[in-house]
PDB file of N, CA and C in Angstrom:
ATOM      1  N   MET A   1       5.406  14.786  65.186  1.00  0.00           N
ATOM      2  CA  MET A   1       4.515  14.335  66.232  1.00  0.00           C
ATOM      3  C   MET A   1       3.427  15.385  66.441  1.00  0.00           C
ATOM      4  N   LYS A   2       2.189  14.972  66.385  1.00  0.00           N
ATOM      5  CA  LYS A   2       1.080  15.908  66.503  1.00  0.00           C
ATOM      6  C   LYS A   2       0.746  16.170  67.961  1.00  0.00           C
ATOM      7  N   GLU A   3       0.452  17.440  68.253  1.00  0.00           N
ATOM      8  CA  GLU A   3       0.097  17.802  69.612  1.00  0.00           C
ATOM      9  C   GLU A   3      -1.204  17.139  70.054  1.00  0.00           C
ATOM     10  N   ASN A   4      -2.141  16.895  69.115  1.00  0.00           N
ATOM     11  CA  ASN A   4      -3.398  16.279  69.531  1.00  0.00           C
ATOM     12  C   ASN A   4      -3.193  14.840  69.975  1.00  0.00           C
ATOM     13  N   ALA A   5      -2.171  14.148  69.491  1.00  0.00           N
ATOM     14  CA  ALA A   5      -1.872  12.792  69.963  1.00  0.00           C
ATOM     15  C   ALA A   5      -1.488  12.834  71.436  1.00  0.00           C
ATOM     16  N   VAL A   6      -0.682  13.789  71.809  1.00  0.00           N
ATOM     17  CA  VAL A   6      -0.278  13.910  73.211  1.00  0.00           C
ATOM     18  C   VAL A   6      -1.462  14.401  74.059  1.00  0.00           C
ATOM     19  N   LYS A   7      -2.292  15.233  73.485  1.00  0.00           N
ATOM     20  CA  LYS A   7      -3.495  15.690  74.196  1.00  0.00           C
ATOM     21  C   LYS A   7      -4.412  14.503  74.486  1.00  0.00           C
ATOM     22  N   ASP A   8      -4.651  13.673  73.484  1.00  0.00           N
ATOM     23  CA  ASP A   8      -5.510  12.497  73.660  1.00  0.00           C
ATOM     24  C   ASP A   8      -4.908  11.517  74.662  1.00  0.00           C
ATOM     25  N   LYS A   9      -3.621  11.258  74.535  1.00  0.00           N
ATOM     26  CA  LYS A   9      -2.959  10.319  75.446  1.00  0.00           C
ATOM     27  C   LYS A   9      -2.980  10.845  76.877  1.00  0.00           C
ATOM     28  N   SER A  10      -2.773  12.138  77.047  1.00  0.00           N
ATOM     29  CA  SER A  10      -2.775  12.702  78.402  1.00  0.00           C
ATOM     30  C   SER A  10      -4.169  12.664  79.018  1.00  0.00           C
ATOM     31  N   PHE A  11      -5.202  12.810  78.197  1.00  0.00           N
ATOM     32  CA  PHE A  11      -6.570  12.717  78.707  1.00  0.00           C
ATOM     33  C   PHE A  11      -6.853  11.294  79.202  1.00  0.00           C
ATOM     34  N   GLU A  12      -6.497  10.314  78.384  1.00  0.00           N
ATOM     35  CA  GLU A  12      -6.709   8.913  78.783  1.00  0.00           C
ATOM     36  C   GLU A  12      -5.874   8.570  80.013  1.00  0.00           C
ATOM     37  N   PHE A  13      -4.677   9.135  80.104  1.00  0.00           N
ATOM     38  CA  PHE A  13      -3.836   8.930  81.278  1.00  0.00           C
ATOM     39  C   PHE A  13      -4.503   9.523  82.514  1.00  0.00           C
ATOM     40  N   SER A  14      -5.091  10.701  82.378  1.00  0.00           N
ATOM     41  CA  SER A  14      -5.805  11.330  83.502  1.00  0.00           C
ATOM     42  C   SER A  14      -6.943  10.442  83.992  1.00  0.00           C
ATOM     43  N   VAL A  15      -7.661   9.842  83.059  1.00  0.00           N
ATOM     44  CA  VAL A  15      -8.749   8.930  83.437  1.00  0.00           C
ATOM     45  C   VAL A  15      -8.188   7.758  84.241  1.00  0.00           C
ATOM     46  N   ARG A  16      -7.075   7.208  83.790  1.00  0.00           N
ATOM     47  CA  ARG A  16      -6.443   6.097  84.525  1.00  0.00           C
ATOM     48  C   ARG A  16      -6.001   6.534  85.918  1.00  0.00           C
ATOM     49  N   ILE A  17      -5.430   7.725  86.007  1.00  0.00           N
ATOM     50  CA  ILE A  17      -4.979   8.246  87.304  1.00  0.00           C
ATOM     51  C   ILE A  17      -6.171   8.401  88.247  1.00  0.00           C
ATOM     52  N   ILE A  18      -7.259   8.982  87.757  1.00  0.00           N
ATOM     53  CA  ILE A  18      -8.451   9.177  88.587  1.00  0.00           C
ATOM     54  C   ILE A  18      -8.975   7.829  89.078  1.00  0.00           C
ATOM     55  N   ASN A  19      -9.068   6.861  88.184  1.00  0.00           N
ATOM     56  CA  ASN A  19      -9.560   5.536  88.586  1.00  0.00           C
ATOM     57  C   ASN A  19      -8.619   4.861  89.573  1.00  0.00           C
ATOM     58  N   MET A  20      -7.314   5.021  89.384  1.00  0.00           N
ATOM     59  CA  MET A  20      -6.361   4.457  90.322  1.00  0.00           C
ATOM     60  C   MET A  20      -6.507   5.107  91.693  1.00  0.00           C
ATOM     61  N   CYS A  21      -6.714   6.420  91.711  1.00  0.00           N
ATOM     62  CA  CYS A  21      -6.876   7.128  92.987  1.00  0.00           C
ATOM     63  C   CYS A  21      -8.151   6.695  93.702  1.00  0.00           C
ATOM     64  N   LYS A  22      -9.216   6.470  92.947  1.00  0.00           N
ATOM     65  CA  LYS A  22     -10.442   5.946  93.559  1.00  0.00           C
ATOM     66  C   LYS A  22     -10.159   4.596  94.224  1.00  0.00           C
ATOM     67  N   TYR A  23      -9.410   3.757  93.536  1.00  0.00           N
ATOM     68  CA  TYR A  23      -9.022   2.451  94.085  1.00  0.00           C
ATOM     69  C   TYR A  23      -8.178   2.631  95.353  1.00  0.00           C
ATOM     70  N   LEU A  24      -7.186   3.519  95.292  1.00  0.00           N
ATOM     71  CA  LEU A  24      -6.312   3.726  96.449  1.00  0.00           C
ATOM     72  C   LEU A  24      -7.092   4.190  97.675  1.00  0.00           C
ATOM     73  N   ILE A  25      -8.062   5.064  97.458  1.00  0.00           N
ATOM     74  CA  ILE A  25      -8.837   5.603  98.582  1.00  0.00           C
ATOM     75  C   ILE A  25      -9.819   4.562  99.119  1.00  0.00           C
ATOM     76  N   THR A  26     -10.557   3.904  98.228  1.00  0.00           N
ATOM     77  CA  THR A  26     -11.605   2.995  98.692  1.00  0.00           C
ATOM     78  C   THR A  26     -11.068   1.640  99.146  1.00  0.00           C
ATOM     79  N   LYS A  27     -10.089   1.105  98.454  1.00  0.00           N
ATOM     80  CA  LYS A  27      -9.597  -0.251  98.777  1.00  0.00           C
ATOM     81  C   LYS A  27      -8.375  -0.258  99.681  1.00  0.00           C
ATOM     82  N   LYS A  28      -7.497   0.709  99.518  1.00  0.00           N
ATOM     83  CA  LYS A  28      -6.238   0.731 100.272  1.00  0.00           C
ATOM     84  C   LYS A  28      -6.236   1.768 101.401  1.00  0.00           C
ATOM     85  N   HIS A  29      -7.247   2.614 101.428  1.00  0.00           N
ATOM     86  CA  HIS A  29      -7.356   3.671 102.441  1.00  0.00           C
ATOM     87  C   HIS A  29      -6.102   4.547 102.485  1.00  0.00           C
ATOM     88  N   GLU A  30      -5.610   4.864 101.304  1.00  0.00           N
ATOM     89  CA  GLU A  30      -4.422   5.717 101.166  1.00  0.00           C
ATOM     90  C   GLU A  30      -4.894   7.071 100.662  1.00  0.00           C
ATOM     91  N   TYR A  31      -4.620   8.131 101.440  1.00  0.00           N
ATOM     92  CA  TYR A  31      -5.176   9.450 101.133  1.00  0.00           C
ATOM     93  C   TYR A  31      -4.127  10.506 100.783  1.00  0.00           C
ATOM     94  N   ILE A  32      -2.916  10.344 101.222  1.00  0.00           N
ATOM     95  CA  ILE A  32      -1.895  11.389 101.040  1.00  0.00           C
ATOM     96  C   ILE A  32      -1.244  11.303  99.657  1.00  0.00           C
ATOM     97  N   MET A  33      -0.622  10.161  99.367  1.00  0.00           N
ATOM     98  CA  MET A  33       0.050  10.023  98.066  1.00  0.00           C
ATOM     99  C   MET A  33      -0.957  10.034  96.924  1.00  0.00           C
ATOM    100  N   SER A  34      -2.160   9.513  97.172  1.00  0.00           N
ATOM    101  CA  SER A  34      -3.172   9.507  96.110  1.00  0.00           C
ATOM    102  C   SER A  34      -3.547  10.937  95.711  1.00  0.00           C
ATOM    103  N   LYS A  35      -3.590  11.849  96.686  1.00  0.00           N
ATOM    104  CA  LYS A  35      -3.869  13.257  96.350  1.00  0.00           C
ATOM    105  C   LYS A  35      -2.740  13.852  95.518  1.00  0.00           C
ATOM    106  N   GLN A  36      -1.516  13.500  95.860  1.00  0.00           N
ATOM    107  CA  GLN A  36      -0.357  14.029  95.134  1.00  0.00           C
ATOM    108  C   GLN A  36      -0.337  13.536  93.688  1.00  0.00           C
ATOM    109  N   VAL A  37      -0.525  12.228  93.505  1.00  0.00           N
ATOM    110  CA  VAL A  37      -0.483  11.674  92.148  1.00  0.00           C
ATOM    111  C   VAL A  37      -1.715  12.114  91.357  1.00  0.00           C
ATOM    112  N   PHE A  38      -2.828  12.320  92.029  1.00  0.00           N
ATOM    113  CA  PHE A  38      -4.026  12.835  91.368  1.00  0.00           C
ATOM    114  C   PHE A  38      -3.754  14.231  90.804  1.00  0.00           C
ATOM    115  N   ARG A  39      -3.174  15.079  91.650  1.00  0.00           N
ATOM    116  CA  ARG A  39      -2.891  16.457  91.243  1.00  0.00           C
ATOM    117  C   ARG A  39      -1.905  16.514  90.074  1.00  0.00           C
ATOM    118  N   SER A  40      -0.771  15.832  90.225  1.00  0.00           N
ATOM    119  CA  SER A  40       0.239  15.909  89.163  1.00  0.00           C
ATOM    120  C   SER A  40      -0.189  15.148  87.910  1.00  0.00           C
ATOM    121  N   GLY A  41      -0.837  14.008  88.085  1.00  0.00           N
ATOM    122  CA  GLY A  41      -1.224  13.186  86.939  1.00  0.00           C
ATOM    123  C   GLY A  41      -2.286  13.812  86.055  1.00  0.00           C
ATOM    124  N   THR A  42      -3.228  14.527  86.663  1.00  0.00           N
ATOM    125  CA  THR A  42      -4.261  15.186  85.870  1.00  0.00           C
ATOM    126  C   THR A  42      -3.796  16.549  85.351  1.00  0.00           C
ATOM    127  N   SER A  43      -2.791  17.095  85.980  1.00  0.00           N
ATOM    128  CA  SER A  43      -2.252  18.391  85.553  1.00  0.00           C
ATOM    129  C   SER A  43      -1.522  18.307  84.217  1.00  0.00           C
ATOM    130  N   ILE A  44      -1.016  17.139  83.888  1.00  0.00           N
ATOM    131  CA  ILE A  44      -0.287  16.960  82.623  1.00  0.00           C
ATOM    132  C   ILE A  44      -1.174  17.388  81.458  1.00  0.00           C
ATOM    133  N   GLY A  45      -2.343  16.799  81.369  1.00  0.00           N
ATOM    134  CA  GLY A  45      -3.264  17.092  80.274  1.00  0.00           C
ATOM    135  C   GLY A  45      -3.806  18.507  80.309  1.00  0.00           C
ATOM    136  N   ALA A  46      -4.073  19.007  81.512  1.00  0.00           N
ATOM    137  CA  ALA A  46      -4.586  20.370  81.636  1.00  0.00           C
ATOM    138  C   ALA A  46      -3.587  21.378  81.075  1.00  0.00           C
ATOM    139  N   ASN A  47      -2.316  21.172  81.373  1.00  0.00           N
ATOM    140  CA  ASN A  47      -1.287  22.087  80.861  1.00  0.00           C
ATOM    141  C   ASN A  47      -1.070  21.925  79.363  1.00  0.00           C
ATOM    142  N   ILE A  48      -1.256  20.713  78.850  1.00  0.00           N
ATOM    143  CA  ILE A  48      -1.167  20.516  77.401  1.00  0.00           C
ATOM    144  C   ILE A  48      -2.282  21.301  76.714  1.00  0.00           C
ATOM    145  N   CYS A  49      -3.493  21.228  77.257  1.00  0.00           N
ATOM    146  CA  CYS A  49      -4.610  22.000  76.689  1.00  0.00           C
ATOM    147  C   CYS A  49      -4.319  23.490  76.715  1.00  0.00           C
ATOM    148  N   GLU A  50      -3.745  23.967  77.807  1.00  0.00           N
ATOM    149  CA  GLU A  50      -3.356  25.384  77.880  1.00  0.00           C
ATOM    150  C   GLU A  50      -2.307  25.709  76.827  1.00  0.00           C
ATOM    151  N   ALA A  51      -1.331  24.814  76.661  1.00  0.00           N
ATOM    152  CA  ALA A  51      -0.261  25.044  75.686  1.00  0.00           C
ATOM    153  C   ALA A  51      -0.819  25.176  74.275  1.00  0.00           C
ATOM    154  N   LEU A  52      -1.798  24.343  73.964  1.00  0.00           N
ATOM    155  CA  LEU A  52      -2.372  24.364  72.619  1.00  0.00           C
ATOM    156  C   LEU A  52      -3.129  25.656  72.345  1.00  0.00           C
ATOM    157  N   GLN A  53      -3.483  26.369  73.392  1.00  0.00           N
ATOM    158  CA  GLN A  53      -4.143  27.671  73.247  1.00  0.00           C
ATOM    159  C   GLN A  53      -3.177  28.819  73.522  1.00  0.00           C
ATOM    160  N   GLY A  54      -1.892  28.509  73.556  1.00  0.00           N
ATOM    161  CA  GLY A  54      -0.872  29.505  73.889  1.00  0.00           C
ATOM    162  C   GLY A  54      -0.883  30.703  72.960  1.00  0.00           C
ATOM    163  N   SER A  55      -0.462  31.809  73.509  1.00  0.00           N
ATOM    164  CA  SER A  55      -0.468  33.056  72.751  1.00  0.00           C
ATOM    165  C   SER A  55       0.802  33.248  71.914  1.00  0.00           C
ATOM    166  N   SER A  56       1.801  32.409  72.144  1.00  0.00           N
ATOM    167  CA  SER A  56       3.053  32.514  71.399  1.00  0.00           C
ATOM    168  C   SER A  56       3.785  31.181  71.461  1.00  0.00           C
ATOM    169  N   LYS A  57       4.818  31.054  70.661  1.00  0.00           N
ATOM    170  CA  LYS A  57       5.646  29.845  70.685  1.00  0.00           C
ATOM    171  C   LYS A  57       6.292  29.681  72.060  1.00  0.00           C
ATOM    172  N   ALA A  58       6.743  30.777  72.645  1.00  0.00           N
ATOM    173  CA  ALA A  58       7.360  30.719  73.972  1.00  0.00           C
ATOM    174  C   ALA A  58       6.345  30.251  75.024  1.00  0.00           C
ATOM    175  N   ASP A  59       5.113  30.732  74.928  1.00  0.00           N
ATOM    176  CA  ASP A  59       4.051  30.319  75.851  1.00  0.00           C
ATOM    177  C   ASP A  59       3.768  28.827  75.687  1.00  0.00           C
ATOM    178  N   PHE A  60       3.711  28.366  74.438  1.00  0.00           N
ATOM    179  CA  PHE A  60       3.493  26.952  74.137  1.00  0.00           C
ATOM    180  C   PHE A  60       4.589  26.101  74.778  1.00  0.00           C
ATOM    181  N   ILE A  61       5.833  26.493  74.572  1.00  0.00           N
ATOM    182  CA  ILE A  61       6.967  25.739  75.122  1.00  0.00           C
ATOM    183  C   ILE A  61       6.930  25.754  76.647  1.00  0.00           C
ATOM    184  N   ALA A  62       6.613  26.886  77.227  1.00  0.00           N
ATOM    185  CA  ALA A  62       6.555  26.990  78.689  1.00  0.00           C
ATOM    186  C   ALA A  62       5.501  26.049  79.270  1.00  0.00           C
ATOM    187  N   LYS A  63       4.314  26.028  78.682  1.00  0.00           N
ATOM    188  CA  LYS A  63       3.237  25.161  79.183  1.00  0.00           C
ATOM    189  C   LYS A  63       3.563  23.684  78.957  1.00  0.00           C
ATOM    190  N   MET A  64       4.154  23.362  77.820  1.00  0.00           N
ATOM    191  CA  MET A  64       4.553  21.976  77.572  1.00  0.00           C
ATOM    192  C   MET A  64       5.650  21.549  78.555  1.00  0.00           C
ATOM    193  N   THR A  65       6.510  22.470  78.905  1.00  0.00           N
ATOM    194  CA  THR A  65       7.561  22.172  79.880  1.00  0.00           C
ATOM    195  C   THR A  65       6.958  21.917  81.259  1.00  0.00           C
ATOM    196  N   ILE A  66       5.936  22.669  81.620  1.00  0.00           N
ATOM    197  CA  ILE A  66       5.232  22.417  82.880  1.00  0.00           C
ATOM    198  C   ILE A  66       4.604  21.020  82.841  1.00  0.00           C
ATOM    199  N   SER A  67       4.008  20.668  81.709  1.00  0.00           N
ATOM    200  CA  SER A  67       3.430  19.322  81.560  1.00  0.00           C
ATOM    201  C   SER A  67       4.496  18.249  81.752  1.00  0.00           C
ATOM    202  N   LEU A  68       5.654  18.470  81.182  1.00  0.00           N
ATOM    203  CA  LEU A  68       6.761  17.522  81.323  1.00  0.00           C
ATOM    204  C   LEU A  68       7.178  17.383  82.787  1.00  0.00           C
ATOM    205  N   LYS A  69       7.262  18.495  83.495  1.00  0.00           N
ATOM    206  CA  LYS A  69       7.616  18.453  84.920  1.00  0.00           C
ATOM    207  C   LYS A  69       6.557  17.709  85.724  1.00  0.00           C
ATOM    208  N   GLU A  70       5.301  17.934  85.420  1.00  0.00           N
ATOM    209  CA  GLU A  70       4.212  17.235  86.109  1.00  0.00           C
ATOM    210  C   GLU A  70       4.276  15.734  85.816  1.00  0.00           C
ATOM    211  N   ALA A  71       4.622  15.368  84.591  1.00  0.00           N
ATOM    212  CA  ALA A  71       4.755  13.952  84.237  1.00  0.00           C
ATOM    213  C   ALA A  71       5.905  13.305  85.013  1.00  0.00           C
ATOM    214  N   ALA A  72       7.009  14.026  85.155  1.00  0.00           N
ATOM    215  CA  ALA A  72       8.139  13.502  85.924  1.00  0.00           C
ATOM    216  C   ALA A  72       7.747  13.320  87.392  1.00  0.00           C
ATOM    217  N   GLU A  73       7.007  14.275  87.942  1.00  0.00           N
ATOM    218  CA  GLU A  73       6.539  14.150  89.322  1.00  0.00           C
ATOM    219  C   GLU A  73       5.592  12.956  89.457  1.00  0.00           C
ATOM    220  N   THR A  74       4.706  12.793  88.503  1.00  0.00           N
ATOM    221  CA  THR A  74       3.761  11.677  88.527  1.00  0.00           C
ATOM    222  C   THR A  74       4.502  10.351  88.499  1.00  0.00           C
ATOM    223  N   ASP A  75       5.528  10.259  87.661  1.00  0.00           N
ATOM    224  CA  ASP A  75       6.351   9.048  87.596  1.00  0.00           C
ATOM    225  C   ASP A  75       6.922   8.725  88.981  1.00  0.00           C
ATOM    226  N   TYR A  76       7.381   9.737  89.682  1.00  0.00           N
ATOM    227  CA  TYR A  76       7.922   9.559  91.037  1.00  0.00           C
ATOM    228  C   TYR A  76       6.869   8.974  91.972  1.00  0.00           C
ATOM    229  N   TRP A  77       5.678   9.574  91.995  1.00  0.00           N
ATOM    230  CA  TRP A  77       4.619   9.114  92.894  1.00  0.00           C
ATOM    231  C   TRP A  77       4.192   7.695  92.548  1.00  0.00           C
ATOM    232  N   LEU A  78       4.114   7.376  91.269  1.00  0.00           N
ATOM    233  CA  LEU A  78       3.724   6.028  90.867  1.00  0.00           C
ATOM    234  C   LEU A  78       4.750   5.000  91.327  1.00  0.00           C
ATOM    235  N   ARG A  79       6.018   5.327  91.189  1.00  0.00           N
ATOM    236  CA  ARG A  79       7.074   4.419  91.639  1.00  0.00           C
ATOM    237  C   ARG A  79       7.028   4.245  93.159  1.00  0.00           C
ATOM    238  N   LEU A  80       6.757   5.324  93.857  1.00  0.00           N
ATOM    239  CA  LEU A  80       6.662   5.267  95.311  1.00  0.00           C
ATOM    240  C   LEU A  80       5.453   4.426  95.751  1.00  0.00           C
ATOM    241  N   LEU A  81       4.327   4.604  95.092  1.00  0.00           N
ATOM    242  CA  LEU A  81       3.139   3.802  95.401  1.00  0.00           C
ATOM    243  C   LEU A  81       3.410   2.322  95.160  1.00  0.00           C
ATOM    244  N   HIS A  82       4.137   2.016  94.109  1.00  0.00           N
ATOM    245  CA  HIS A  82       4.482   0.623  93.831  1.00  0.00           C
ATOM    246  C   HIS A  82       5.445   0.080  94.879  1.00  0.00           C
ATOM    247  N   ARG A  83       6.482   0.820  95.163  1.00  0.00           N
ATOM    248  CA  ARG A  83       7.523   0.362  96.089  1.00  0.00           C
ATOM    249  C   ARG A  83       6.986   0.149  97.498  1.00  0.00           C
ATOM    250  N   THR A  84       5.950   0.890  97.860  1.00  0.00           N
ATOM    251  CA  THR A  84       5.381   0.766  99.204  1.00  0.00           C
ATOM    252  C   THR A  84       4.182  -0.185  99.247  1.00  0.00           C
ATOM    253  N   GLY A  85       3.910  -0.854  98.124  1.00  0.00           N
ATOM    254  CA  GLY A  85       2.896  -1.891  98.107  1.00  0.00           C
ATOM    255  C   GLY A  85       1.458  -1.431  97.902  1.00  0.00           C
ATOM    256  N   TYR A  86       1.264  -0.164  97.574  1.00  0.00           N
ATOM    257  CA  TYR A  86      -0.110   0.316  97.346  1.00  0.00           C
ATOM    258  C   TYR A  86      -0.647  -0.084  95.973  1.00  0.00           C
ATOM    259  N   ILE A  87       0.242  -0.209  94.991  1.00  0.00           N
ATOM    260  CA  ILE A  87      -0.184  -0.726  93.684  1.00  0.00           C
ATOM    261  C   ILE A  87       0.707  -1.914  93.336  1.00  0.00           C
ATOM    262  N   ASP A  88       0.110  -2.921  92.728  1.00  0.00           N
ATOM    263  CA  ASP A  88       0.851  -4.144  92.423  1.00  0.00           C
ATOM    264  C   ASP A  88       1.706  -3.981  91.159  1.00  0.00           C
ATOM    265  N   GLU A  89       2.482  -5.010  90.894  1.00  0.00           N
ATOM    266  CA  GLU A  89       3.435  -4.988  89.774  1.00  0.00           C
ATOM    267  C   GLU A  89       2.757  -4.717  88.433  1.00  0.00           C
ATOM    268  N   ASN A  90       1.643  -5.385  88.167  1.00  0.00           N
ATOM    269  CA  ASN A  90       0.953  -5.209  86.883  1.00  0.00           C
ATOM    270  C   ASN A  90       0.428  -3.793  86.711  1.00  0.00           C
ATOM    271  N   MET A  91      -0.234  -3.279  87.729  1.00  0.00           N
ATOM    272  CA  MET A  91      -0.756  -1.916  87.655  1.00  0.00           C
ATOM    273  C   MET A  91       0.390  -0.922  87.503  1.00  0.00           C
ATOM    274  N   ALA A  92       1.432  -1.117  88.291  1.00  0.00           N
ATOM    275  CA  ALA A  92       2.577  -0.202  88.254  1.00  0.00           C
ATOM    276  C   ALA A  92       3.223  -0.191  86.875  1.00  0.00           C
ATOM    277  N   ASN A  93       3.517  -1.380  86.343  1.00  0.00           N
ATOM    278  CA  ASN A  93       4.174  -1.448  85.035  1.00  0.00           C
ATOM    279  C   ASN A  93       3.347  -0.768  83.958  1.00  0.00           C
ATOM    280  N   SER A  94       2.059  -1.017  83.955  1.00  0.00           N
ATOM    281  CA  SER A  94       1.185  -0.461  82.928  1.00  0.00           C
ATOM    282  C   SER A  94       1.109   1.066  82.997  1.00  0.00           C
ATOM    283  N   ILE A  95       0.833   1.596  84.174  1.00  0.00           N
ATOM    284  CA  ILE A  95       0.629   3.045  84.286  1.00  0.00           C
ATOM    285  C   ILE A  95       1.962   3.798  84.229  1.00  0.00           C
ATOM    286  N   ILE A  96       3.026   3.216  84.748  1.00  0.00           N
ATOM    287  CA  ILE A  96       4.342   3.858  84.655  1.00  0.00           C
ATOM    288  C   ILE A  96       4.798   3.888  83.200  1.00  0.00           C
ATOM    289  N   ASN A  97       4.545   2.824  82.451  1.00  0.00           N
ATOM    290  CA  ASN A  97       4.885   2.825  81.019  1.00  0.00           C
ATOM    291  C   ASN A  97       4.135   3.930  80.278  1.00  0.00           C
ATOM    292  N   ASP A  98       2.850   4.103  80.588  1.00  0.00           N
ATOM    293  CA  ASP A  98       2.077   5.190  79.972  1.00  0.00           C
ATOM    294  C   ASP A  98       2.668   6.548  80.330  1.00  0.00           C
ATOM    295  N   CYS A  99       3.053   6.700  81.573  1.00  0.00           N
ATOM    296  CA  CYS A  99       3.638   7.971  82.021  1.00  0.00           C
ATOM    297  C   CYS A  99       4.952   8.238  81.290  1.00  0.00           C
ATOM    298  N   GLN A 100       5.786   7.230  81.164  1.00  0.00           N
ATOM    299  CA  GLN A 100       7.064   7.404  80.479  1.00  0.00           C
ATOM    300  C   GLN A 100       6.876   7.674  78.992  1.00  0.00           C
ATOM    301  N   GLU A 101       5.829   7.115  78.413  1.00  0.00           N
ATOM    302  CA  GLU A 101       5.513   7.415  77.020  1.00  0.00           C
ATOM    303  C   GLU A 101       5.131   8.890  76.868  1.00  0.00           C
ATOM    304  N   LEU A 102       4.346   9.406  77.814  1.00  0.00           N
ATOM    305  CA  LEU A 102       4.008  10.836  77.795  1.00  0.00           C
ATOM    306  C   LEU A 102       5.266  11.692  77.941  1.00  0.00           C
ATOM    307  N   ILE A 103       6.165  11.288  78.821  1.00  0.00           N
ATOM    308  CA  ILE A 103       7.417  12.028  79.012  1.00  0.00           C
ATOM    309  C   ILE A 103       8.201  12.083  77.700  1.00  0.00           C
ATOM    310  N   LYS A 104       8.280  10.966  77.003  1.00  0.00           N
ATOM    311  CA  LYS A 104       8.999  10.926  75.717  1.00  0.00           C
ATOM    312  C   LYS A 104       8.320  11.818  74.681  1.00  0.00           C
ATOM    313  N   MET A 105       7.007  11.758  74.615  1.00  0.00           N
ATOM    314  CA  MET A 105       6.267  12.584  73.657  1.00  0.00           C
ATOM    315  C   MET A 105       6.479  14.067  73.948  1.00  0.00           C
ATOM    316  N   LEU A 106       6.340  14.446  75.216  1.00  0.00           N
ATOM    317  CA  LEU A 106       6.502  15.850  75.595  1.00  0.00           C
ATOM    318  C   LEU A 106       7.923  16.335  75.340  1.00  0.00           C
ATOM    319  N   THR A 107       8.898  15.504  75.650  1.00  0.00           N
ATOM    320  CA  THR A 107      10.295  15.868  75.408  1.00  0.00           C
ATOM    321  C   THR A 107      10.530  16.127  73.924  1.00  0.00           C
ATOM    322  N   ALA A 108       9.981  15.259  73.077  1.00  0.00           N
ATOM    323  CA  ALA A 108      10.148  15.422  71.623  1.00  0.00           C
ATOM    324  C   ALA A 108       9.452  16.692  71.128  1.00  0.00           C
ATOM    325  N   ILE A 109       8.262  16.967  71.634  1.00  0.00           N
ATOM    326  CA  ILE A 109       7.518  18.176  71.223  1.00  0.00           C
ATOM    327  C   ILE A 109       8.270  19.432  71.633  1.00  0.00           C
ATOM    328  N   ILE A 110       8.774  19.449  72.851  1.00  0.00           N
ATOM    329  CA  ILE A 110       9.515  20.622  73.340  1.00  0.00           C
ATOM    330  C   ILE A 110      10.787  20.815  72.520  1.00  0.00           C
ATOM    331  N   LYS A 111      11.528  19.727  72.296  1.00  0.00           N
ATOM    332  CA  LYS A 111      12.770  19.833  71.518  1.00  0.00           C
ATOM    333  C   LYS A 111      12.492  20.354  70.110  1.00  0.00           C
ATOM    334  N   LYS A 112      11.488  19.789  69.459  1.00  0.00           N
ATOM    335  CA  LYS A 112      11.141  20.220  68.100  1.00  0.00           C
ATOM    336  C   LYS A 112      10.731  21.696  68.089  1.00  0.00           C
ATOM    337  N   SER A 113       9.944  22.083  69.058  1.00  0.00           N
ATOM    338  CA  SER A 113       9.495  23.489  69.126  1.00  0.00           C
ATOM    339  C   SER A 113      10.647  24.445  69.356  1.00  0.00           C
ATOM    340  N   LYS A 114      11.595  24.051  70.198  1.00  0.00           N
ATOM    341  CA  LYS A 114      12.756  24.894  70.444  1.00  0.00           C
ATOM    342  C   LYS A 114      13.644  24.981  69.207  1.00  0.00           C
ATOM    343  N   ASP A 115      13.762  23.872  68.480  1.00  0.00           N
ATOM    344  CA  ASP A 115      14.568  23.867  67.252  1.00  0.00           C
ATOM    345  C   ASP A 115      13.970  24.764  66.194  1.00  0.00           C
ATOM    346  N   GLU A 116      12.658  24.926  66.202  1.00  0.00           N
ATOM    347  CA  GLU A 116      11.966  25.764  65.205  1.00  0.00           C
ATOM    348  C   GLU A 116      12.036  27.251  65.543  1.00  0.00           C
ATOM    349  N   GLU A 117      12.454  27.584  66.755  1.00  0.00           N
ATOM    350  CA  GLU A 117      12.501  29.006  67.153  1.00  0.00           C
ATOM    351  C   GLU A 117      13.564  29.759  66.386  1.00  0.00           C
TER     352      GLU A 117
END
């Protein structure tokens, strides 16, 4: 699995998160959870970019692990937004599936990197 695939996917995911947050603020007038999901959802890709510039294998694994934690947090916020009616079933299913795909990719990258140590 190539790191640039996860980098590209995380960037596109960040764009979706930003657009969803714009919707939550302008249409639903939701300001608290949208800030949380904005922070964690865009942090995934930022940490992947940092990992790709890591100074060592351990640094790479550490940054990818942070990305994985941010993805897990984002999954939580997305589920909460859905359960409380801020995002509908279609939006929730689509963006949560993307988030879970990132989680799977990051988990595989971390496992492979640890196995190579």
